[in-house]
């Protein structure tokens, strides 16, 4: 069974990979065909001494 990947799908996958710094690119395949492409981007923050002092309290 030969599956041909559409150029448009490759373009979307390539763009998702190029534009992400941390995270995941998920490709969902059904019946041998790409049906969905998800990009999950993660933003990581580091604590500075200033941020440690400015805590938000929720009651």
Protein backbone atom coordinates (compact mmCIF):
# COMPACT_ATOMS: atom_id res chain seq x y z
CA UNK A 1 0.00 0.00 0.00
CA UNK A 2 1.62 3.21 -1.15
CA UNK A 3 0.61 6.45 0.54
CA UNK A 4 1.48 9.72 -1.15
CA UNK A 5 1.86 12.73 1.13
CA UNK A 6 0.28 15.88 -0.28
CA UNK A 7 2.65 18.84 -0.78
CA UNK A 8 0.23 21.04 1.16
CA UNK A 9 0.51 18.72 4.19
CA UNK A 10 4.30 18.81 3.99
CA UNK A 11 4.21 22.60 3.81
CA UNK A 12 2.00 22.86 6.92
CA UNK A 13 4.21 20.41 8.83
CA UNK A 14 7.38 22.25 7.81
CA UNK A 15 5.90 25.61 8.86
CA UNK A 16 4.79 24.21 12.24
CA UNK A 17 8.28 22.85 12.92
CA UNK A 18 10.05 26.04 11.86
CA UNK A 19 7.84 28.32 13.97
CA UNK A 20 8.00 26.38 17.25
CA UNK A 21 10.75 26.72 19.82
CA UNK A 22 9.50 24.34 22.53
CA UNK A 23 6.62 21.92 22.13
CA UNK A 24 5.18 19.27 19.86
CA UNK A 25 3.89 18.80 16.35
CA UNK A 26 1.32 15.99 16.20
CA UNK A 27 0.18 14.38 12.97
CA UNK A 28 -3.07 12.41 13.06
CA UNK A 29 -3.44 9.71 10.42
CA UNK A 30 -6.60 7.77 9.57
CA UNK A 31 -6.82 5.11 6.89
CA UNK A 32 -3.26 5.94 5.82
CA UNK A 33 -4.04 9.63 5.20
CA UNK A 34 -3.13 12.75 7.18
CA UNK A 35 -6.34 14.18 8.58
CA UNK A 36 -5.06 16.62 11.20
CA UNK A 37 -1.90 18.48 12.24
CA UNK A 38 -1.64 19.99 15.74
CA UNK A 39 1.03 22.29 17.07
CA UNK A 40 1.35 22.50 20.84
CA UNK A 41 3.68 25.28 21.88
CA UNK A 42 5.11 25.55 25.36
CA UNK A 43 6.33 28.74 26.97
CA UNK A 44 8.81 28.32 29.78
CA UNK A 45 9.44 30.98 32.37
CA UNK A 46 12.34 31.17 34.77
CA UNK A 47 11.98 32.72 38.20
CA UNK A 48 14.11 35.73 39.05
CA UNK A 49 14.65 37.00 42.58
CA UNK A 50 12.19 39.85 41.81
CA UNK A 51 9.46 37.40 40.73
CA UNK A 52 9.88 35.30 43.88
CA UNK A 53 8.97 38.31 46.00
CA UNK A 54 5.89 39.29 43.97
CA UNK A 55 3.58 36.34 44.64
CA UNK A 56 -0.12 36.43 43.93
CA UNK A 57 -2.39 34.99 46.59
CA UNK A 58 -5.81 33.67 45.61
CA UNK A 59 -8.31 33.07 48.39
